[in-house]
Protein backbone atom coordinates (compact mmCIF):
# COMPACT_ATOMS: atom_id res chain seq x y z
CA MET A 1 0.00 0.00 0.00
CA ILE A 2 1.37 3.40 -0.99
CA GLN A 3 1.26 5.97 1.80
CA TYR A 4 1.30 9.75 1.35
CA GLN A 5 3.16 12.53 3.20
CA HIS A 6 5.16 9.86 5.02
CA SER A 7 7.77 10.92 7.59
CA LEU A 8 11.34 9.84 6.84
CA GLU A 9 12.89 11.05 10.10
CA GLU A 10 13.41 7.55 11.53
CA LEU A 11 14.53 6.15 8.17
CA ASN A 12 17.77 8.14 7.69
CA SER A 13 20.84 7.95 9.91
CA PHE A 14 21.15 11.77 10.09
CA ARG A 15 17.59 11.70 11.50
CA ILE A 16 16.65 14.69 9.38
CA SER A 17 12.97 15.60 9.59
CA ALA A 18 11.55 15.34 6.06
CA LYS A 19 8.55 13.84 4.31
CA ALA A 20 8.05 11.81 1.16
CA GLU A 21 5.18 12.76 -1.14
CA ALA A 22 4.54 9.01 -1.48
CA TYR A 23 6.10 5.99 0.22
CA LEU A 24 6.03 2.22 -0.36
CA ALA A 25 7.48 -0.40 1.97
CA LEU A 26 8.57 -3.02 -0.60
CA GLU A 27 8.28 -6.38 1.15
CA ARG A 28 7.21 -8.65 -1.74
CA LEU A 29 8.08 -8.76 -5.42
CA ASP A 30 4.41 -8.70 -6.44
CA GLN A 31 4.22 -5.15 -5.04
CA LEU A 32 6.35 -3.98 -7.98
CA ALA A 33 3.16 -3.92 -10.05
CA LEU A 34 2.07 -0.91 -7.96
CA LEU A 35 4.89 1.18 -9.43
CA SER A 36 3.75 1.48 -13.04
CA ASP A 37 2.00 4.81 -12.45
CA TRP A 38 5.20 6.27 -10.98
CA ARG A 39 7.61 5.48 -13.80
CA ASN A 40 7.75 9.10 -15.03
CA ARG A 41 7.87 10.71 -11.58
CA PRO A 42 10.90 11.21 -9.34
CA ASN A 43 11.59 8.12 -7.26
CA TYR A 44 14.14 7.23 -4.63
CA ILE A 45 15.27 3.75 -3.58
CA LEU A 46 15.74 3.68 0.19
CA GLY A 47 17.67 0.99 2.02
CA GLY A 48 19.08 1.46 5.51
CA GLY A 49 19.16 5.24 5.09
CA SER A 50 22.81 5.38 6.19
CA ASN A 51 24.31 7.06 3.12
CA ILE A 52 21.80 9.78 2.27
CA LEU A 53 21.28 13.39 3.23
CA LEU A 54 17.73 14.72 3.03
CA ALA A 55 18.09 18.33 1.92
CA GLY A 56 14.31 18.76 2.05
CA ASP A 57 10.97 17.04 1.49
CA LEU A 58 10.99 14.57 -1.40
CA PRO A 59 8.67 14.88 -4.39
CA GLY A 60 7.57 11.63 -5.99
CA LEU A 61 7.86 8.13 -4.55
CA VAL A 62 10.24 6.68 -1.94
CA ILE A 63 10.55 2.91 -2.33
CA HIS A 64 11.81 1.43 0.93
CA ASN A 65 13.41 -1.90 0.03
CA GLN A 66 12.63 -4.46 2.72
CA LEU A 67 12.87 -7.65 0.66
CA LYS A 68 14.26 -10.51 2.78
CA GLY A 69 15.84 -13.90 2.24
CA LYS A 70 19.11 -15.80 1.72
CA ARG A 71 19.77 -19.06 -0.12
CA LEU A 72 22.71 -20.99 -1.50
CA VAL A 73 22.32 -21.22 -5.29
CA GLY A 74 25.58 -22.90 -6.32
CA GLN A 75 29.04 -24.04 -5.29
CA ASP A 76 32.24 -25.44 -6.66
CA GLN A 77 35.65 -26.31 -5.26
CA GLU A 78 36.67 -22.66 -4.88
CA PHE A 79 33.47 -20.66 -4.35
CA VAL A 80 29.98 -20.73 -2.92
CA TYR A 81 27.28 -18.63 -4.57
CA LEU A 82 24.87 -17.01 -2.12
CA GLU A 83 21.71 -15.20 -3.23
CA VAL A 84 20.68 -12.44 -0.81
CA ALA A 85 17.59 -10.24 -0.97
CA ALA A 86 18.33 -6.52 -1.16
CA GLY A 87 16.50 -5.59 2.03
CA GLU A 88 18.73 -7.72 4.25
CA ASN A 89 21.03 -5.92 6.69
CA TRP A 90 24.64 -5.82 5.48
CA GLN A 91 26.27 -6.46 8.85
CA GLU A 92 23.97 -9.43 9.52
CA LEU A 93 25.05 -10.82 6.14
CA VAL A 94 28.72 -10.46 7.10
CA LEU A 95 28.08 -12.33 10.35
CA TYR A 96 26.17 -15.02 8.43
CA SER A 97 29.13 -15.53 6.09
CA LEU A 98 31.51 -15.80 9.05
CA ALA A 99 29.28 -18.38 10.74
CA ASN A 100 29.43 -20.49 7.57
CA ASN A 101 33.20 -19.92 7.15
CA TRP A 102 32.73 -18.25 3.75
CA ALA A 103 35.39 -15.64 3.02
CA GLY A 104 35.26 -12.34 1.19
CA LEU A 105 33.18 -10.04 3.39
CA GLU A 106 35.34 -9.91 6.51
CA ASN A 107 37.02 -6.57 5.63
CA LEU A 108 33.57 -5.08 4.99
CA ALA A 109 32.30 -5.74 8.51
CA LEU A 110 30.23 -3.12 10.34
CA ILE A 111 29.42 -1.06 7.25
CA PRO A 112 25.93 0.28 7.97
CA GLY A 113 23.03 -0.11 5.57
CA SER A 114 21.27 -2.74 3.50
CA VAL A 115 22.53 -5.30 1.00
CA GLY A 116 20.87 -3.52 -1.94
CA ALA A 117 22.93 -0.39 -1.37
CA ALA A 118 26.22 -2.28 -1.67
CA PRO A 119 26.39 -2.38 -5.49
CA VAL A 120 25.01 1.15 -5.89
CA GLN A 121 27.89 2.63 -3.91
CA ASN A 122 30.31 -0.21 -4.60
CA ILE A 123 30.95 -0.11 -0.87
CA GLY A 124 34.48 -0.71 0.28
CA ALA A 125 36.73 -0.71 3.31
CA TYR A 126 40.22 -1.79 4.31
CA GLY A 127 41.38 -2.68 0.82
CA VAL A 128 38.28 -4.58 -0.35
CA GLU A 129 35.36 -3.44 -2.53
CA PHE A 130 31.95 -5.01 -3.12
CA SER A 131 32.76 -5.53 -6.81
CA GLU A 132 35.22 -8.27 -5.83
CA VAL A 133 32.47 -10.51 -4.44
CA CYS A 134 29.65 -9.59 -6.84
CA HIS A 135 28.56 -12.32 -9.26
CA LEU A 136 25.06 -11.30 -10.38
CA ILE A 137 22.40 -8.68 -9.64
CA GLN A 138 18.66 -8.96 -10.28
CA ALA A 139 16.78 -5.67 -10.52
CA TRP A 140 13.41 -4.25 -11.52
CA ASP A 141 13.53 -1.70 -14.33
CA MET A 142 11.13 1.12 -13.42
CA GLN A 143 11.06 2.43 -16.99
CA GLN A 144 10.35 -0.85 -18.77
CA GLN A 145 8.51 -2.49 -15.86
CA ARG A 146 10.40 -5.77 -16.06
CA PHE A 147 13.10 -7.76 -14.30
CA CYS A 148 16.64 -7.70 -15.65
CA LYS A 149 19.96 -9.18 -14.64
CA PHE A 150 23.40 -7.59 -14.46
CA GLU A 151 26.64 -9.51 -14.32
CA SER A 152 29.42 -7.85 -12.38
CA THR A 153 31.08 -6.57 -15.57
CA ASP A 154 27.81 -4.86 -16.61
CA CYS A 155 27.76 -2.66 -13.53
CA GLN A 156 30.75 -0.45 -14.41
CA PHE A 157 31.97 -0.57 -10.84
CA ALA A 158 34.41 2.16 -9.87
CA TYR A 159 35.50 3.81 -6.64
CA ARG A 160 32.20 4.28 -4.72
CA ASP A 161 30.34 4.24 -8.01
CA SER A 162 28.33 2.09 -10.42
CA ILE A 163 25.81 2.50 -13.24
CA PHE A 164 23.04 2.39 -10.61
CA LYS A 165 24.41 5.55 -9.01
CA SER A 166 25.83 7.60 -11.89
CA LEU A 167 23.97 6.60 -15.06
CA TYR A 168 20.58 5.36 -13.87
CA PRO A 169 19.79 6.80 -10.43
CA GLY A 170 16.32 5.70 -9.36
CA ARG A 171 15.67 3.61 -12.46
CA PHE A 172 16.57 0.14 -11.15
CA ILE A 173 15.29 -1.35 -7.92
CA ILE A 174 17.85 -3.93 -6.89
CA CYS A 175 15.93 -6.98 -5.70
CA SER A 176 18.68 -9.51 -4.96
CA LEU A 177 22.39 -10.19 -5.35
CA VAL A 178 24.36 -13.35 -5.93
CA LEU A 179 27.67 -13.15 -4.07
CA LYS A 180 30.74 -15.22 -4.91
CA LEU A 181 32.36 -16.13 -1.59
CA ARG A 182 35.58 -18.10 -1.16
CA ARG A 183 35.88 -21.42 0.58
CA GLN A 184 39.51 -20.57 1.39
CA PRO A 185 40.31 -17.01 2.47
CA SER A 186 42.55 -14.60 0.61
CA TYR A 187 43.52 -12.21 3.38
CA ARG A 188 43.90 -8.43 2.99
CA LEU A 189 45.76 -7.21 6.05
CA ASP A 190 47.94 -4.32 4.91
CA TYR A 191 45.32 -1.57 4.65
CA GLY A 192 45.03 0.49 7.80
CA ASN A 193 46.28 -1.29 10.90
CA ILE A 194 44.41 -4.59 10.62
CA ARG A 195 47.58 -6.65 11.00
CA GLU A 196 48.56 -4.76 14.17
CA GLU A 197 45.05 -5.07 15.58
CA ILE A 198 45.04 -8.86 15.09
CA GLY A 199 48.42 -9.14 16.78
CA ASP A 200 49.41 -12.63 17.90
CA GLN A 201 45.98 -14.24 17.72
CA PRO A 202 45.45 -17.02 15.13
CA LEU A 203 44.62 -15.68 11.68
CA SER A 204 41.07 -16.37 10.46
CA ILE A 205 38.31 -14.50 8.66
CA ARG A 206 36.59 -14.00 12.03
CA ALA A 207 39.78 -12.50 13.50
CA VAL A 208 39.98 -10.11 10.55
CA ALA A 209 36.32 -9.10 10.88
CA GLU A 210 36.62 -8.56 14.62
CA ALA A 211 39.74 -6.45 14.11
CA VAL A 212 37.94 -4.33 11.52
CA MET A 213 34.97 -3.88 13.85
CA ARG A 214 37.19 -2.78 16.73
CA ILE A 215 38.96 -0.27 14.50
CA ARG A 216 35.69 1.11 13.11
CA ARG A 217 34.12 1.42 16.57
CA SER A 218 37.17 3.30 17.84
CA LYS A 219 36.96 5.86 15.02
CA LEU A 220 33.34 6.18 13.94
CA PRO A 221 30.42 7.44 16.04
CA ASP A 222 27.33 5.28 16.38
CA PRO A 223 24.54 6.94 14.34
CA LYS A 224 22.04 5.89 17.03
CA GLU A 225 23.91 8.05 19.54
CA LEU A 226 25.18 10.85 17.28
CA PRO A 227 23.38 11.17 13.92
CA ASN A 228 25.76 10.83 10.95
CA ALA A 229 26.14 9.05 7.61
CA GLY A 230 29.60 7.58 8.10
CA SER A 231 32.36 8.75 5.77
CA PHE A 232 30.92 11.85 4.13
CA PHE A 233 33.53 12.41 1.40
CA LYS A 234 35.29 10.12 -1.04
CA ASN A 235 39.06 9.86 -0.81
CA PRO A 236 40.23 12.03 -3.74
CA LEU A 237 42.20 10.61 -6.65
CA VAL A 238 45.04 12.72 -8.06
CA ALA A 239 47.67 12.44 -10.78
CA ALA A 240 51.32 11.73 -9.92
CA GLU A 241 52.44 15.30 -10.66
CA LYS A 242 49.83 16.72 -8.29
CA LEU A 243 50.96 14.33 -5.57
CA GLU A 244 54.58 15.42 -6.06
CA GLN A 245 53.55 19.03 -5.52
CA LEU A 246 51.69 18.16 -2.34
CA LEU A 247 54.46 15.94 -0.95
CA ALA A 248 56.96 18.75 -1.40
CA GLN A 249 54.94 20.73 1.12
CA TYR A 250 53.51 17.85 3.18
CA PRO A 251 56.07 14.98 3.14
CA LYS A 252 54.02 12.81 5.51
CA MET A 253 50.80 13.03 3.50
CA PRO A 254 49.23 9.52 3.25
CA HIS A 255 48.75 8.27 -0.32
CA TYR A 256 47.92 4.96 -1.99
CA LEU A 257 48.66 3.78 -5.52
CA GLN A 258 45.58 2.58 -7.45
CA ALA A 259 45.38 -0.06 -10.17
CA ASP A 260 44.79 2.60 -12.85
CA GLY A 261 47.98 4.46 -11.92
CA ARG A 262 46.24 7.30 -10.12
CA LEU A 263 46.91 7.98 -6.48
CA LYS A 264 44.39 8.12 -3.68
CA LEU A 265 44.71 10.68 -0.90
CA ALA A 266 43.12 10.41 2.55
CA ALA A 267 40.26 12.91 2.68
CA GLY A 268 40.16 12.68 6.47
CA TRP A 269 43.83 13.68 6.69
CA LEU A 270 43.25 16.72 4.47
CA ILE A 271 40.25 17.84 6.53
CA ASP A 272 42.17 17.31 9.77
CA GLN A 273 45.20 19.25 8.51
CA ALA A 274 42.92 22.12 7.52
CA GLY A 275 41.74 22.38 11.12
CA TRP A 276 38.19 21.11 10.72
CA LYS A 277 38.27 18.12 13.09
CA GLY A 278 35.94 18.86 16.00
CA LYS A 279 34.80 22.17 14.49
CA ARG A 280 31.12 23.08 14.76
CA MET A 281 28.80 25.25 12.71
CA GLY A 282 25.69 25.68 14.82
CA ALA A 283 23.98 22.34 15.37
CA VAL A 284 26.27 20.41 12.99
CA GLY A 285 29.99 19.81 12.80
CA VAL A 286 32.98 17.61 11.97
CA HIS A 287 33.46 14.72 14.37
CA GLU A 288 36.16 15.17 16.98
CA ARG A 289 37.77 11.76 16.38
CA GLN A 290 37.22 11.24 12.64
CA ALA A 291 37.43 14.24 10.33
CA LEU A 292 35.76 12.33 7.51
CA VAL A 293 32.47 12.18 9.43
CA LEU A 294 29.98 15.06 9.60
CA VAL A 295 27.58 14.87 12.55
CA LYS A 296 24.37 16.45 13.80
CA TYR A 297 24.60 17.52 17.45
CA ALA A 298 21.10 18.94 17.78
CA GLU A 299 17.98 19.48 15.71
CA ALA A 300 19.05 20.70 12.26
CA ARG A 301 17.86 20.83 8.69
CA GLY A 302 19.60 18.89 5.96
CA GLN A 303 20.58 22.15 4.32
CA GLU A 304 22.75 23.01 7.33
CA ILE A 305 24.80 19.86 6.74
CA VAL A 306 25.03 20.75 3.04
CA GLN A 307 26.40 24.17 4.00
CA LEU A 308 28.97 22.60 6.33
CA ALA A 309 30.06 20.16 3.61
CA GLU A 310 30.43 23.01 1.10
CA ALA A 311 32.51 25.04 3.55
CA VAL A 312 34.86 22.07 4.04
CA GLN A 313 35.09 21.49 0.28
CA GLN A 314 35.91 25.14 -0.43
CA ASP A 315 38.59 25.22 2.26
CA ILE A 316 40.28 22.02 1.07
CA ALA A 317 40.24 23.27 -2.53
CA GLN A 318 41.84 26.55 -1.46
CA LYS A 319 44.49 25.01 0.82
CA PHE A 320 45.46 21.93 -1.19
CA GLY A 321 44.04 22.41 -4.69
CA VAL A 322 42.08 19.16 -4.24
CA ASN A 323 38.36 18.72 -4.84
CA LEU A 324 36.44 16.65 -2.32
CA VAL A 325 33.37 14.84 -3.66
CA PRO A 326 30.61 13.72 -1.27
CA GLU A 327 30.19 9.97 -0.88
CA VAL A 328 26.81 10.63 0.71
CA ASN A 329 23.89 11.03 -1.72
CA TYR A 330 21.94 14.28 -1.49
CA TRP A 331 18.14 13.87 -1.75
CA PRO A 332 16.56 15.71 -3.55
């Protein structure tokens, strides 16, 4: 049943007070037939609400994906293939894979949100991205009103990006994913301080996941206690000559070589160096322990967070000549 003038305050991790013109809690695939009248109106696909910023009330339809279910659909000597409905919680999926001793998701532990958001953002953490475990995606095409399938190579995965985010926002409702998980782990321990956090304990995918969770909890505020959307900005990519210029002035600047030859900078380091960590602008501010996280300390409109983000972006561009791009999606 489609509801009208529906409050979204409890459905976004910034807890911004905003309303949707229309709202559908999608719990069954047969409900997709209700969407035909909305194909030419604005629509927004809502998962866990942990990577969005509501800049105001939303025109059109908000489709809240709450499809549930997990099942093993194939296996071979190297991989198991797990189909997961898009409305499942991502962290619960990670814990499920650990319980079954299936590897591939351990570095992605404690990322907030739903399974369906993972391919949209191509979520990633500690040296691993969703694209590495994606085998197949089933989605509903709002324009053509039919199901379609995407193999991993069809999705044009890039750093925090995919066709679902850049080329076709709002067009495809991701219904389920098939993940390709390893029977034997291939550990990634060199990003951040995972190896140090594990220490002398026996190496296992559970040990890696628990190390990641401890690190994340030590750095990132719980949205239930302090409203936020996690890492607000992408880590910027720069050419080698730009990095040389920056290193001449900041020799200790963190940087990471990417597969395409570009270099990734740490957005949090840039924001911290510019003096924004812990700084407030009214009811919003930059978190005191993690400069990459913008937080809401008291009642505030989404536009106030937008203004804070723009102030940070302008300052970083002026000080370092580097453009920060939000990882968080602005609605509308």
